[in-house]
Amino acid sequence: MTDVERRYSDFDLFRQALCHEYPGFFIPLLPPKETFLAFKQEDSDSLAQRKHGIRLFLEGLASHPTLSREENQMLNNFLTLRSSHQFGAFKTHLAHMVQDFSFVSEYAHRHQLA
């Protein structure tokens, strides 16, 4: 398997999209986001903890009976897209999913209270 580079914000966006795409499913949590200063000070413990937390997140997805299915293109794309152009288009798609769901949720919430 070849490595791909992902930023914490990529994982965060991916998790949000999974939560919207699979409501009611438990989507594993990500480790908390550390401040830039923690990493700037070469806090190797913080970096190791984040890597471990992200590993647990991915292992949780891989062991999920529905989310880990081969036909799940979201997970497959997140794990395998190497081209920055293709991954950028994928991230845009995820952002639209999250934005569209947030708009619908906000609209429903406003009208439910009215």
N, C-alpha and C. Protein backbone atom coordinates (compact mmCIF):
# COMPACT_ATOMS: atom_id res chain seq x y z
N MET A 1 0.85 -1.18 0.00
CA MET A 1 0.00 0.00 0.00
C MET A 1 0.89 1.24 0.00
N THR A 2 0.55 2.21 -0.80
CA THR A 2 1.32 3.44 -0.87
C THR A 2 0.77 4.47 0.12
N ASP A 3 1.65 5.31 0.58
CA ASP A 3 1.25 6.34 1.53
C ASP A 3 0.61 7.52 0.82
N VAL A 4 -0.33 8.15 1.50
CA VAL A 4 -0.90 9.41 1.03
C VAL A 4 -0.78 10.41 2.17
N GLU A 5 -0.64 11.67 1.82
CA GLU A 5 -0.53 12.71 2.84
C GLU A 5 -1.89 13.33 3.07
N ARG A 6 -2.26 13.43 4.35
CA ARG A 6 -3.51 14.06 4.73
C ARG A 6 -3.23 14.96 5.92
N ARG A 7 -3.87 16.12 5.92
CA ARG A 7 -3.76 17.05 7.03
C ARG A 7 -4.87 16.74 8.04
N TYR A 8 -4.71 17.25 9.25
CA TYR A 8 -5.75 17.04 10.26
C TYR A 8 -7.08 17.58 9.76
N SER A 9 -7.05 18.73 9.10
CA SER A 9 -8.30 19.33 8.60
C SER A 9 -8.98 18.42 7.57
N ASP A 10 -8.20 17.63 6.82
CA ASP A 10 -8.77 16.67 5.87
C ASP A 10 -9.54 15.58 6.62
N PHE A 11 -8.93 15.08 7.70
CA PHE A 11 -9.60 14.07 8.51
C PHE A 11 -10.87 14.64 9.13
N ASP A 12 -10.80 15.88 9.61
CA ASP A 12 -11.95 16.52 10.24
C ASP A 12 -13.10 16.68 9.23
N LEU A 13 -12.80 17.17 8.04
CA LEU A 13 -13.82 17.32 7.01
C LEU A 13 -14.40 15.96 6.62
N PHE A 14 -13.55 14.96 6.47
CA PHE A 14 -13.99 13.62 6.12
C PHE A 14 -14.93 13.06 7.19
N ARG A 15 -14.58 13.26 8.45
CA ARG A 15 -15.44 12.77 9.54
C ARG A 15 -16.79 13.47 9.53
N GLN A 16 -16.80 14.78 9.31
CA GLN A 16 -18.06 15.52 9.24
C GLN A 16 -18.94 14.99 8.10
N ALA A 17 -18.33 14.75 6.94
CA ALA A 17 -19.08 14.23 5.80
C ALA A 17 -19.64 12.84 6.10
N LEU A 18 -18.86 12.00 6.76
CA LEU A 18 -19.36 10.67 7.14
C LEU A 18 -20.54 10.78 8.09
N CYS A 19 -20.46 11.69 9.04
CA CYS A 19 -21.57 11.89 9.99
C CYS A 19 -22.84 12.30 9.27
N HIS A 20 -22.72 13.11 8.23
CA HIS A 20 -23.89 13.55 7.47
C HIS A 20 -24.39 12.47 6.52
N GLU A 21 -23.47 11.71 5.95
CA GLU A 21 -23.83 10.66 4.99
C GLU A 21 -24.44 9.44 5.69
N TYR A 22 -24.00 9.19 6.91
CA TYR A 22 -24.45 8.01 7.66
C TYR A 22 -25.03 8.42 9.02
N PRO A 23 -26.16 9.14 9.01
CA PRO A 23 -26.74 9.56 10.30
C PRO A 23 -27.14 8.33 11.12
N GLY A 24 -26.90 8.40 12.39
CA GLY A 24 -27.24 7.30 13.27
C GLY A 24 -26.11 6.29 13.46
N PHE A 25 -25.10 6.35 12.60
CA PHE A 25 -23.95 5.46 12.75
C PHE A 25 -22.95 6.13 13.68
N PHE A 26 -22.27 5.32 14.48
CA PHE A 26 -21.19 5.88 15.28
C PHE A 26 -19.96 6.00 14.39
N ILE A 27 -19.54 7.22 14.19
CA ILE A 27 -18.31 7.48 13.43
C ILE A 27 -17.22 7.72 14.49
N PRO A 28 -16.13 6.97 14.42
CA PRO A 28 -15.08 7.14 15.44
C PRO A 28 -14.63 8.60 15.58
N LEU A 29 -14.23 8.93 16.77
CA LEU A 29 -13.78 10.30 17.05
C LEU A 29 -12.34 10.49 16.61
N LEU A 30 -12.02 11.73 16.32
CA LEU A 30 -10.63 12.12 16.05
C LEU A 30 -10.00 12.61 17.34
N PRO A 31 -8.69 12.54 17.44
CA PRO A 31 -8.04 13.14 18.62
C PRO A 31 -8.25 14.65 18.57
N PRO A 32 -8.18 15.30 19.72
CA PRO A 32 -8.36 16.76 19.71
C PRO A 32 -7.27 17.45 18.91
N LYS A 33 -7.64 18.57 18.33
CA LYS A 33 -6.67 19.34 17.54
C LYS A 33 -5.78 20.12 18.49
N GLU A 34 -4.49 19.95 18.33
CA GLU A 34 -3.52 20.68 19.15
C GLU A 34 -3.24 22.02 18.50
N THR A 35 -2.75 22.92 19.29
CA THR A 35 -2.37 24.21 18.73
C THR A 35 -1.04 24.09 18.00
N PHE A 36 -0.80 25.01 17.12
CA PHE A 36 0.44 25.03 16.36
C PHE A 36 1.65 25.13 17.29
N LEU A 37 1.49 25.85 18.39
CA LEU A 37 2.62 26.03 19.31
C LEU A 37 3.08 24.71 19.91
N ALA A 38 2.15 23.81 20.17
CA ALA A 38 2.53 22.52 20.75
C ALA A 38 3.46 21.77 19.80
N PHE A 39 3.18 21.86 18.50
CA PHE A 39 4.02 21.16 17.54
C PHE A 39 5.29 21.96 17.23
N LYS A 40 5.19 23.26 17.29
CA LYS A 40 6.36 24.09 17.04
C LYS A 40 7.43 23.84 18.10
N GLN A 41 7.00 23.57 19.31
CA GLN A 41 7.94 23.31 20.39
C GLN A 41 8.44 21.87 20.35
N GLU A 42 8.17 21.20 19.22
CA GLU A 42 8.63 19.82 19.01
C GLU A 42 8.18 18.91 20.14
N ASP A 43 6.93 19.05 20.51
CA ASP A 43 6.34 18.20 21.53
C ASP A 43 6.04 16.85 20.89
N SER A 44 7.01 15.97 20.91
CA SER A 44 6.86 14.68 20.24
C SER A 44 5.75 13.84 20.87
N ASP A 45 5.47 14.04 22.14
CA ASP A 45 4.38 13.30 22.77
C ASP A 45 3.03 13.69 22.16
N SER A 46 2.82 14.98 21.94
CA SER A 46 1.57 15.44 21.31
C SER A 46 1.43 14.89 19.91
N LEU A 47 2.51 14.93 19.16
CA LEU A 47 2.49 14.42 17.79
C LEU A 47 2.23 12.91 17.78
N ALA A 48 2.86 12.19 18.68
CA ALA A 48 2.65 10.74 18.77
C ALA A 48 1.22 10.41 19.18
N GLN A 49 0.67 11.20 20.11
CA GLN A 49 -0.71 10.98 20.54
C GLN A 49 -1.68 11.24 19.39
N ARG A 50 -1.42 12.28 18.61
CA ARG A 50 -2.31 12.57 17.48
C ARG A 50 -2.23 11.45 16.45
N LYS A 51 -1.03 11.00 16.14
CA LYS A 51 -0.88 9.90 15.18
C LYS A 51 -1.62 8.65 15.67
N HIS A 52 -1.48 8.38 16.96
CA HIS A 52 -2.17 7.22 17.52
C HIS A 52 -3.69 7.39 17.43
N GLY A 53 -4.18 8.58 17.75
CA GLY A 53 -5.62 8.85 17.66
C GLY A 53 -6.15 8.73 16.24
N ILE A 54 -5.38 9.19 15.28
CA ILE A 54 -5.80 9.08 13.88
C ILE A 54 -5.76 7.62 13.44
N ARG A 55 -4.77 6.88 13.92
CA ARG A 55 -4.71 5.44 13.62
C ARG A 55 -5.96 4.74 14.17
N LEU A 56 -6.36 5.09 15.41
CA LEU A 56 -7.57 4.49 16.00
C LEU A 56 -8.81 4.87 15.19
N PHE A 57 -8.87 6.11 14.71
CA PHE A 57 -9.98 6.55 13.87
C PHE A 57 -10.07 5.69 12.62
N LEU A 58 -8.95 5.52 11.93
CA LEU A 58 -8.94 4.72 10.70
C LEU A 58 -9.24 3.24 10.97
N GLU A 59 -8.71 2.71 12.07
CA GLU A 59 -9.00 1.32 12.42
C GLU A 59 -10.48 1.14 12.74
N GLY A 60 -11.08 2.14 13.38
CA GLY A 60 -12.51 2.09 13.67
C GLY A 60 -13.34 2.07 12.39
N LEU A 61 -12.93 2.89 11.42
CA LEU A 61 -13.63 2.88 10.13
C LEU A 61 -13.43 1.55 9.41
N ALA A 62 -12.21 1.04 9.45
CA ALA A 62 -11.89 -0.20 8.75
C ALA A 62 -12.63 -1.39 9.35
N SER A 63 -12.96 -1.34 10.63
CA SER A 63 -13.65 -2.46 11.26
C SER A 63 -15.17 -2.31 11.24
N HIS A 64 -15.66 -1.17 10.74
CA HIS A 64 -17.11 -0.95 10.69
C HIS A 64 -17.71 -1.75 9.54
N PRO A 65 -18.75 -2.55 9.80
CA PRO A 65 -19.28 -3.43 8.75
C PRO A 65 -19.85 -2.69 7.53
N THR A 66 -20.35 -1.50 7.70
CA THR A 66 -20.91 -0.76 6.56
C THR A 66 -19.89 0.19 5.96
N LEU A 67 -19.21 0.95 6.80
CA LEU A 67 -18.29 1.97 6.31
C LEU A 67 -17.07 1.38 5.61
N SER A 68 -16.70 0.15 5.96
CA SER A 68 -15.50 -0.44 5.39
C SER A 68 -15.76 -1.23 4.11
N ARG A 69 -16.99 -1.29 3.67
CA ARG A 69 -17.29 -2.03 2.45
C ARG A 69 -16.51 -1.47 1.26
N GLU A 70 -16.12 -2.37 0.38
CA GLU A 70 -15.33 -1.99 -0.78
C GLU A 70 -16.03 -0.96 -1.65
N GLU A 71 -17.35 -1.03 -1.71
CA GLU A 71 -18.08 -0.09 -2.56
C GLU A 71 -18.25 1.29 -1.93
N ASN A 72 -17.77 1.47 -0.72
CA ASN A 72 -17.83 2.78 -0.08
C ASN A 72 -16.78 3.68 -0.70
N GLN A 73 -17.18 4.45 -1.69
CA GLN A 73 -16.24 5.29 -2.42
C GLN A 73 -15.67 6.43 -1.59
N MET A 74 -16.42 6.90 -0.59
CA MET A 74 -15.89 7.98 0.25
C MET A 74 -14.63 7.52 0.96
N LEU A 75 -14.71 6.38 1.61
CA LEU A 75 -13.55 5.88 2.34
C LEU A 75 -12.42 5.51 1.38
N ASN A 76 -12.77 4.85 0.31
CA ASN A 76 -11.77 4.46 -0.69
C ASN A 76 -11.04 5.68 -1.24
N ASN A 77 -11.79 6.71 -1.61
CA ASN A 77 -11.16 7.93 -2.15
C ASN A 77 -10.28 8.62 -1.12
N PHE A 78 -10.77 8.70 0.11
CA PHE A 78 -9.99 9.36 1.14
C PHE A 78 -8.65 8.66 1.36
N LEU A 79 -8.68 7.35 1.30
CA LEU A 79 -7.48 6.58 1.58
C LEU A 79 -6.53 6.43 0.40
N THR A 80 -7.03 6.61 -0.83
CA THR A 80 -6.19 6.26 -1.98
C THR A 80 -5.89 7.39 -2.95
N LEU A 81 -6.70 8.44 -3.00
CA LEU A 81 -6.43 9.49 -3.99
C LEU A 81 -5.08 10.14 -3.70
N ARG A 82 -4.21 10.12 -4.69
CA ARG A 82 -2.85 10.66 -4.51
C ARG A 82 -2.67 12.00 -5.20
N SER A 83 -3.31 12.18 -6.34
CA SER A 83 -3.18 13.42 -7.09
C SER A 83 -3.79 14.57 -6.28
N SER A 84 -3.05 15.66 -6.14
CA SER A 84 -3.57 16.80 -5.39
C SER A 84 -4.81 17.38 -6.06
N HIS A 85 -4.85 17.31 -7.39
CA HIS A 85 -6.03 17.80 -8.12
C HIS A 85 -7.25 16.93 -7.81
N GLN A 86 -7.08 15.62 -7.89
CA GLN A 86 -8.20 14.71 -7.60
C GLN A 86 -8.64 14.80 -6.15
N PHE A 87 -7.67 14.86 -5.23
CA PHE A 87 -8.03 14.94 -3.82
C PHE A 87 -8.68 16.29 -3.51
N GLY A 88 -8.22 17.35 -4.17
CA GLY A 88 -8.85 18.66 -4.00
C GLY A 88 -10.31 18.64 -4.44
N ALA A 89 -10.59 17.99 -5.57
CA ALA A 89 -11.97 17.88 -6.05
C ALA A 89 -12.81 17.05 -5.06
N PHE A 90 -12.21 16.01 -4.52
CA PHE A 90 -12.90 15.17 -3.53
C PHE A 90 -13.22 15.99 -2.28
N LYS A 91 -12.26 16.79 -1.81
CA LYS A 91 -12.49 17.63 -0.63
C LYS A 91 -13.58 18.65 -0.89
N THR A 92 -13.62 19.20 -2.09
CA THR A 92 -14.68 20.14 -2.45
C THR A 92 -16.03 19.45 -2.38
N HIS A 93 -16.10 18.22 -2.88
CA HIS A 93 -17.33 17.44 -2.81
C HIS A 93 -17.74 17.22 -1.36
N LEU A 94 -16.79 16.85 -0.50
CA LEU A 94 -17.10 16.65 0.91
C LEU A 94 -17.59 17.94 1.57
N ALA A 95 -16.94 19.04 1.24
CA ALA A 95 -17.34 20.34 1.81
C ALA A 95 -18.76 20.69 1.40
N HIS A 96 -19.12 20.42 0.14
CA HIS A 96 -20.49 20.68 -0.31
C HIS A 96 -21.48 19.80 0.42
N MET A 97 -21.13 18.53 0.65
CA MET A 97 -22.01 17.64 1.40
C MET A 97 -22.28 18.19 2.79
N VAL A 98 -21.23 18.60 3.46
CA VAL A 98 -21.35 19.12 4.82
C VAL A 98 -22.15 20.42 4.81
N GLN A 99 -21.85 21.30 3.86
CA GLN A 99 -22.55 22.58 3.76
C GLN A 99 -24.02 22.38 3.44
N ASP A 100 -24.33 21.51 2.48
CA ASP A 100 -25.72 21.25 2.11
C ASP A 100 -26.49 20.67 3.27
N PHE A 101 -25.88 19.73 3.99
CA PHE A 101 -26.57 19.12 5.12
C PHE A 101 -26.78 20.16 6.22
N SER A 102 -25.79 21.01 6.46
CA SER A 102 -25.91 22.04 7.49
C SER A 102 -27.03 23.01 7.14
N PHE A 103 -27.15 23.37 5.84
CA PHE A 103 -28.21 24.27 5.41
C PHE A 103 -29.57 23.64 5.64
N VAL A 104 -29.73 22.38 5.25
CA VAL A 104 -31.01 21.69 5.42
C VAL A 104 -31.34 21.56 6.89
N SER A 105 -30.36 21.21 7.72
CA SER A 105 -30.59 21.07 9.16
C SER A 105 -31.01 22.40 9.78
N GLU A 106 -30.33 23.47 9.39
CA GLU A 106 -30.65 24.79 9.92
C GLU A 106 -32.05 25.20 9.49
N TYR A 107 -32.39 24.97 8.22
CA TYR A 107 -33.72 25.31 7.69
C TYR A 107 -34.80 24.52 8.45
N ALA A 108 -34.59 23.23 8.64
CA ALA A 108 -35.57 22.39 9.34
C ALA A 108 -35.71 22.84 10.79
N HIS A 109 -34.60 23.17 11.43
CA HIS A 109 -34.63 23.60 12.82
C HIS A 109 -35.40 24.92 12.95
N ARG A 110 -35.16 25.87 12.06
CA ARG A 110 -35.86 27.15 12.11
C ARG A 110 -37.35 26.96 11.92
N HIS A 111 -37.75 26.10 11.00
CA HIS A 111 -39.18 25.91 10.73
C HIS A 111 -39.86 25.04 11.76
N GLN A 112 -39.09 24.23 12.43
CA GLN A 112 -39.65 23.41 13.51
C GLN A 112 -40.00 24.29 14.70
N LEU A 113 -39.20 25.32 14.93
CA LEU A 113 -39.43 26.21 16.07
C LEU A 113 -40.52 27.23 15.77
N ALA A 114 -40.83 27.45 14.51
CA ALA A 114 -41.81 28.49 14.15
C ALA A 114 -43.23 28.04 14.44
